[in-house]
Amino acid sequence: MTTDRKAIVSLTITDRGALQAAYMPFVEGGGVFVPTTQQYNLGDSVFVLFGLMEDSERWPVPAQVCWISSAGGNSVPGVGLKFVGEKAAEVQRTIEDHLGGLINSDRKTNTM
Protein backbone atom coordinates (compact mmCIF):
# COMPACT_ATOMS: atom_id res chain seq x y z
CA MET A 1 0.00 0.00 0.00
CA THR A 2 1.41 3.37 -0.93
CA THR A 3 0.85 6.48 1.10
CA ASP A 4 0.96 10.20 0.42
CA ARG A 5 4.02 10.53 2.62
CA LYS A 6 6.96 12.11 0.83
CA ALA A 7 10.44 12.46 2.25
CA ILE A 8 13.81 13.69 1.10
CA VAL A 9 16.77 11.46 1.82
CA SER A 10 20.36 12.47 1.20
CA LEU A 11 22.79 9.63 0.50
CA THR A 12 26.43 10.00 -0.47
CA ILE A 13 28.49 6.87 -0.92
CA THR A 14 32.23 7.45 -0.80
CA ASP A 15 33.79 4.07 -1.68
CA ARG A 16 33.12 0.85 -3.61
CA GLY A 17 32.78 -1.27 -0.47
CA ALA A 18 30.03 0.95 0.90
CA LEU A 19 28.35 1.02 -2.51
CA GLN A 20 28.43 -2.77 -2.73
CA ALA A 21 26.91 -3.05 0.76
CA ALA A 22 24.14 -0.56 -0.07
CA TYR A 23 23.25 -1.59 -3.63
CA MET A 24 20.21 -3.82 -4.15
CA PRO A 25 20.76 -5.50 -7.56
CA PHE A 26 17.78 -7.80 -7.05
CA VAL A 27 15.40 -4.81 -7.21
CA GLU A 28 14.06 -4.17 -10.71
CA GLY A 29 15.34 -0.77 -11.79
CA GLY A 30 17.95 -0.80 -9.03
CA GLY A 31 17.81 0.33 -5.48
CA VAL A 32 19.91 1.21 -2.45
CA PHE A 33 19.72 0.55 1.25
CA VAL A 34 19.81 3.68 3.41
CA PRO A 35 20.65 3.25 7.09
CA THR A 36 18.16 5.24 9.15
CA THR A 37 16.10 5.10 12.30
CA GLN A 38 13.38 7.20 10.64
CA GLN A 39 10.10 5.29 10.36
CA TYR A 40 8.80 4.48 6.87
CA ASN A 41 6.13 2.24 5.41
CA LEU A 42 6.41 0.01 2.37
CA GLY A 43 5.43 2.03 -0.69
CA ASP A 44 6.27 5.44 0.80
CA SER A 45 7.50 7.87 -1.85
CA VAL A 46 10.99 9.18 -1.20
CA PHE A 47 13.13 11.66 -3.10
CA VAL A 48 16.81 10.67 -2.92
CA LEU A 49 19.64 13.16 -3.39
CA PHE A 50 22.21 10.58 -4.41
CA GLY A 51 25.94 11.27 -4.51
CA LEU A 52 28.45 8.70 -5.68
CA MET A 53 32.13 8.64 -4.81
CA GLU A 54 34.19 11.22 -6.67
CA ASP A 55 31.28 12.49 -8.78
CA SER A 56 30.54 16.07 -7.83
CA GLU A 57 27.02 15.76 -9.22
CA ARG A 58 24.22 14.69 -6.89
CA TRP A 59 21.32 13.07 -8.68
CA PRO A 60 17.77 13.78 -7.58
CA VAL A 61 16.07 10.40 -7.93
CA PRO A 62 12.48 9.49 -7.05
CA ALA A 63 12.20 6.22 -5.15
CA GLN A 64 9.81 4.04 -3.20
CA VAL A 65 10.40 2.15 0.02
CA CYS A 66 10.61 -1.54 -0.88
CA TRP A 67 12.49 -2.96 2.12
CA ILE A 68 12.44 -2.20 5.85
CA SER A 69 15.03 -3.45 8.30
CA SER A 70 14.72 -2.84 12.01
CA ALA A 71 17.54 -2.93 14.53
CA GLY A 72 18.33 -6.28 16.02
CA GLY A 73 20.66 -9.18 15.56
CA ASN A 74 23.06 -8.38 12.74
CA SER A 75 20.60 -6.08 10.99
CA VAL A 76 21.36 -2.47 10.27
CA PRO A 77 18.17 -0.41 10.73
CA GLY A 78 17.09 1.32 7.55
CA VAL A 79 15.11 1.17 4.35
CA GLY A 80 15.62 -0.15 0.86
CA LEU A 81 14.68 2.35 -1.80
CA LYS A 82 13.70 1.29 -5.31
CA PHE A 83 14.58 3.84 -7.97
CA VAL A 84 11.57 4.89 -10.03
CA GLY A 85 11.01 7.28 -12.90
CA GLU A 86 13.07 8.24 -15.91
CA LYS A 87 16.42 8.48 -14.06
CA ALA A 88 16.20 4.98 -12.54
CA ALA A 89 17.97 3.17 -15.39
CA GLU A 90 20.73 5.78 -15.61
CA VAL A 91 21.45 5.61 -11.87
CA GLN A 92 21.37 1.80 -11.90
CA ARG A 93 23.80 1.68 -14.85
CA THR A 94 26.18 4.15 -13.17
CA ILE A 95 26.18 2.17 -9.93
CA GLU A 96 26.83 -1.09 -11.77
CA ASP A 97 29.65 0.52 -13.76
CA HIS A 98 31.29 1.60 -10.49
CA LEU A 99 30.84 -1.84 -8.93
CA GLY A 100 32.02 -3.97 -11.82
CA GLY A 101 32.67 -7.50 -10.50
CA LEU A 102 31.57 -6.64 -6.96
CA ILE A 103 27.91 -6.99 -8.00
CA ASN A 104 28.19 -10.77 -7.80
CA SER A 105 30.44 -10.77 -4.76
CA ASP A 106 29.79 -13.05 -1.78
CA ARG A 107 30.48 -10.13 0.58
CA LYS A 108 27.71 -9.41 3.07
CA THR A 109 25.44 -6.49 2.19
CA ASN A 110 23.07 -4.46 4.31
CA THR A 111 20.09 -6.38 2.94
CA MET A 112 21.07 -9.95 2.08
C-alpha atoms as a PDB file:
ATOM      1  CA  MET A   1       0.000   0.000   0.000  1.00  0.00           C
ATOM      2  CA  THR A   2       1.407   3.370  -0.927  1.00  0.00           C
ATOM      3  CA  THR A   3       0.855   6.485   1.101  1.00  0.00           C
ATOM      4  CA  ASP A   4       0.963  10.201   0.419  1.00  0.00           C
ATOM      5  CA  ARG A   5       4.020  10.535   2.620  1.00  0.00           C
ATOM      6  CA  LYS A   6       6.961  12.114   0.835  1.00  0.00           C
ATOM      7  CA  ALA A   7      10.436  12.462   2.251  1.00  0.00           C
ATOM      8  CA  ILE A   8      13.810  13.693   1.098  1.00  0.00           C
ATOM      9  CA  VAL A   9      16.772  11.456   1.821  1.00  0.00           C
ATOM     10  CA  SER A  10      20.360  12.474   1.202  1.00  0.00           C
ATOM     11  CA  LEU A  11      22.788   9.633   0.501  1.00  0.00           C
ATOM     12  CA  THR A  12      26.427  10.005  -0.474  1.00  0.00           C
ATOM     13  CA  ILE A  13      28.491   6.869  -0.922  1.00  0.00           C
ATOM     14  CA  THR A  14      32.227   7.450  -0.802  1.00  0.00           C
ATOM     15  CA  ASP A  15      33.792   4.070  -1.676  1.00  0.00           C
ATOM     16  CA  ARG A  16      33.115   0.855  -3.608  1.00  0.00           C
ATOM     17  CA  GLY A  17      32.778  -1.273  -0.466  1.00  0.00           C
ATOM     18  CA  ALA A  18      30.027   0.949   0.904  1.00  0.00           C
ATOM     19  CA  LEU A  19      28.353   1.018  -2.509  1.00  0.00           C
ATOM     20  CA  GLN A  20      28.432  -2.773  -2.729  1.00  0.00           C
ATOM     21  CA  ALA A  21      26.909  -3.047   0.759  1.00  0.00           C
ATOM     22  CA  ALA A  22      24.140  -0.562  -0.073  1.00  0.00           C
ATOM     23  CA  TYR A  23      23.247  -1.592  -3.631  1.00  0.00           C
ATOM     24  CA  MET A  24      20.212  -3.818  -4.145  1.00  0.00           C
ATOM     25  CA  PRO A  25      20.764  -5.502  -7.557  1.00  0.00           C
ATOM     26  CA  PHE A  26      17.779  -7.799  -7.050  1.00  0.00           C
ATOM     27  CA  VAL A  27      15.398  -4.813  -7.211  1.00  0.00           C
ATOM     28  CA  GLU A  28      14.058  -4.171 -10.706  1.00  0.00           C
ATOM     29  CA  GLY A  29      15.341  -0.767 -11.793  1.00  0.00           C
ATOM     30  CA  GLY A  30      17.945  -0.800  -9.026  1.00  0.00           C
ATOM     31  CA  GLY A  31      17.814   0.332  -5.477  1.00  0.00           C
ATOM     32  CA  VAL A  32      19.906   1.206  -2.454  1.00  0.00           C
ATOM     33  CA  PHE A  33      19.721   0.553   1.248  1.00  0.00           C
ATOM     34  CA  VAL A  34      19.807   3.676   3.407  1.00  0.00           C
ATOM     35  CA  PRO A  35      20.652   3.250   7.090  1.00  0.00           C
ATOM     36  CA  THR A  36      18.162   5.244   9.149  1.00  0.00           C
ATOM     37  CA  THR A  37      16.097   5.103  12.300  1.00  0.00           C
ATOM     38  CA  GLN A  38      13.376   7.203  10.643  1.00  0.00           C
ATOM     39  CA  GLN A  39      10.098   5.291  10.362  1.00  0.00           C
ATOM     40  CA  TYR A  40       8.804   4.484   6.872  1.00  0.00           C
ATOM     41  CA  ASN A  41       6.128   2.242   5.410  1.00  0.00           C
ATOM     42  CA  LEU A  42       6.408   0.015   2.369  1.00  0.00           C
ATOM     43  CA  GLY A  43       5.429   2.025  -0.692  1.00  0.00           C
ATOM     44  CA  ASP A  44       6.273   5.438   0.799  1.00  0.00           C
ATOM     45  CA  SER A  45       7.503   7.872  -1.851  1.00  0.00           C
ATOM     46  CA  VAL A  46      10.987   9.184  -1.202  1.00  0.00           C
ATOM     47  CA  PHE A  47      13.131  11.658  -3.102  1.00  0.00           C
ATOM     48  CA  VAL A  48      16.814  10.671  -2.924  1.00  0.00           C
ATOM     49  CA  LEU A  49      19.636  13.160  -3.391  1.00  0.00           C
ATOM     50  CA  PHE A  50      22.209  10.580  -4.413  1.00  0.00           C
ATOM     51  CA  GLY A  51      25.939  11.268  -4.514  1.00  0.00           C
ATOM     52  CA  LEU A  52      28.447   8.696  -5.682  1.00  0.00           C
ATOM     53  CA  MET A  53      32.128   8.639  -4.807  1.00  0.00           C
ATOM     54  CA  GLU A  54      34.188  11.223  -6.667  1.00  0.00           C
ATOM     55  CA  ASP A  55      31.282  12.491  -8.782  1.00  0.00           C
ATOM     56  CA  SER A  56      30.538  16.070  -7.835  1.00  0.00           C
ATOM     57  CA  GLU A  57      27.016  15.762  -9.221  1.00  0.00           C
ATOM     58  CA  ARG A  58      24.223  14.686  -6.894  1.00  0.00           C
ATOM     59  CA  TRP A  59      21.318  13.073  -8.676  1.00  0.00           C
ATOM     60  CA  PRO A  60      17.766  13.781  -7.583  1.00  0.00           C
ATOM     61  CA  VAL A  61      16.066  10.397  -7.926  1.00  0.00           C
ATOM     62  CA  PRO A  62      12.478   9.494  -7.055  1.00  0.00           C
ATOM     63  CA  ALA A  63      12.204   6.222  -5.152  1.00  0.00           C
ATOM     64  CA  GLN A  64       9.810   4.043  -3.200  1.00  0.00           C
ATOM     65  CA  VAL A  65      10.402   2.155   0.019  1.00  0.00           C
ATOM     66  CA  CYS A  66      10.611  -1.543  -0.876  1.00  0.00           C
ATOM     67  CA  TRP A  67      12.490  -2.965   2.124  1.00  0.00           C
ATOM     68  CA  ILE A  68      12.437  -2.204   5.845  1.00  0.00           C
ATOM     69  CA  SER A  69      15.026  -3.450   8.297  1.00  0.00           C
ATOM     70  CA  SER A  70      14.716  -2.842  12.005  1.00  0.00           C
ATOM     71  CA  ALA A  71      17.542  -2.929  14.530  1.00  0.00           C
ATOM     72  CA  GLY A  72      18.328  -6.276  16.020  1.00  0.00           C
ATOM     73  CA  GLY A  73      20.664  -9.179  15.555  1.00  0.00           C
ATOM     74  CA  ASN A  74      23.063  -8.384  12.744  1.00  0.00           C
ATOM     75  CA  SER A  75      20.602  -6.082  10.987  1.00  0.00           C
ATOM     76  CA  VAL A  76      21.359  -2.466  10.270  1.00  0.00           C
ATOM     77  CA  PRO A  77      18.173  -0.408  10.733  1.00  0.00           C
ATOM     78  CA  GLY A  78      17.093   1.318   7.554  1.00  0.00           C
ATOM     79  CA  VAL A  79      15.112   1.170   4.349  1.00  0.00           C
ATOM     80  CA  GLY A  80      15.619  -0.154   0.863  1.00  0.00           C
ATOM     81  CA  LEU A  81      14.682   2.348  -1.799  1.00  0.00           C
ATOM     82  CA  LYS A  82      13.696   1.286  -5.311  1.00  0.00           C
ATOM     83  CA  PHE A  83      14.576   3.842  -7.972  1.00  0.00           C
ATOM     84  CA  VAL A  84      11.566   4.891 -10.029  1.00  0.00           C
ATOM     85  CA  GLY A  85      11.011   7.281 -12.899  1.00  0.00           C
ATOM     86  CA  GLU A  86      13.075   8.235 -15.908  1.00  0.00           C
ATOM     87  CA  LYS A  87      16.425   8.478 -14.056  1.00  0.00           C
ATOM     88  CA  ALA A  88      16.199   4.980 -12.541  1.00  0.00           C
ATOM     89  CA  ALA A  89      17.968   3.169 -15.392  1.00  0.00           C
ATOM     90  CA  GLU A  90      20.728   5.781 -15.608  1.00  0.00           C
ATOM     91  CA  VAL A  91      21.450   5.615 -11.868  1.00  0.00           C
ATOM     92  CA  GLN A  92      21.372   1.804 -11.904  1.00  0.00           C
ATOM     93  CA  ARG A  93      23.798   1.679 -14.850  1.00  0.00           C
ATOM     94  CA  THR A  94      26.177   4.150 -13.174  1.00  0.00           C
ATOM     95  CA  ILE A  95      26.185   2.165  -9.931  1.00  0.00           C
ATOM     96  CA  GLU A  96      26.827  -1.094 -11.768  1.00  0.00           C
ATOM     97  CA  ASP A  97      29.647   0.519 -13.764  1.00  0.00           C
ATOM     98  CA  HIS A  98      31.292   1.596 -10.495  1.00  0.00           C
ATOM     99  CA  LEU A  99      30.844  -1.836  -8.926  1.00  0.00           C
ATOM    100  CA  GLY A 100      32.025  -3.967 -11.822  1.00  0.00           C
ATOM    101  CA  GLY A 101      32.667  -7.504 -10.502  1.00  0.00           C
ATOM    102  CA  LEU A 102      31.567  -6.644  -6.957  1.00  0.00           C
ATOM    103  CA  ILE A 103      27.914  -6.986  -8.005  1.00  0.00           C
ATOM    104  CA  ASN A 104      28.192 -10.770  -7.802  1.00  0.00           C
ATOM    105  CA  SER A 105      30.444 -10.772  -4.755  1.00  0.00           C
ATOM    106  CA  ASP A 106      29.793 -13.046  -1.781  1.00  0.00           C
ATOM    107  CA  ARG A 107      30.478 -10.125   0.581  1.00  0.00           C
ATOM    108  CA  LYS A 108      27.711  -9.409   3.065  1.00  0.00           C
ATOM    109  CA  THR A 109      25.444  -6.485   2.189  1.00  0.00           C
ATOM    110  CA  ASN A 110      23.069  -4.459   4.314  1.00  0.00           C
ATOM    111  CA  THR A 111      20.089  -6.379   2.939  1.00  0.00           C
ATOM    112  CA  MET A 112      21.070  -9.952   2.075  1.00  0.00           C
END
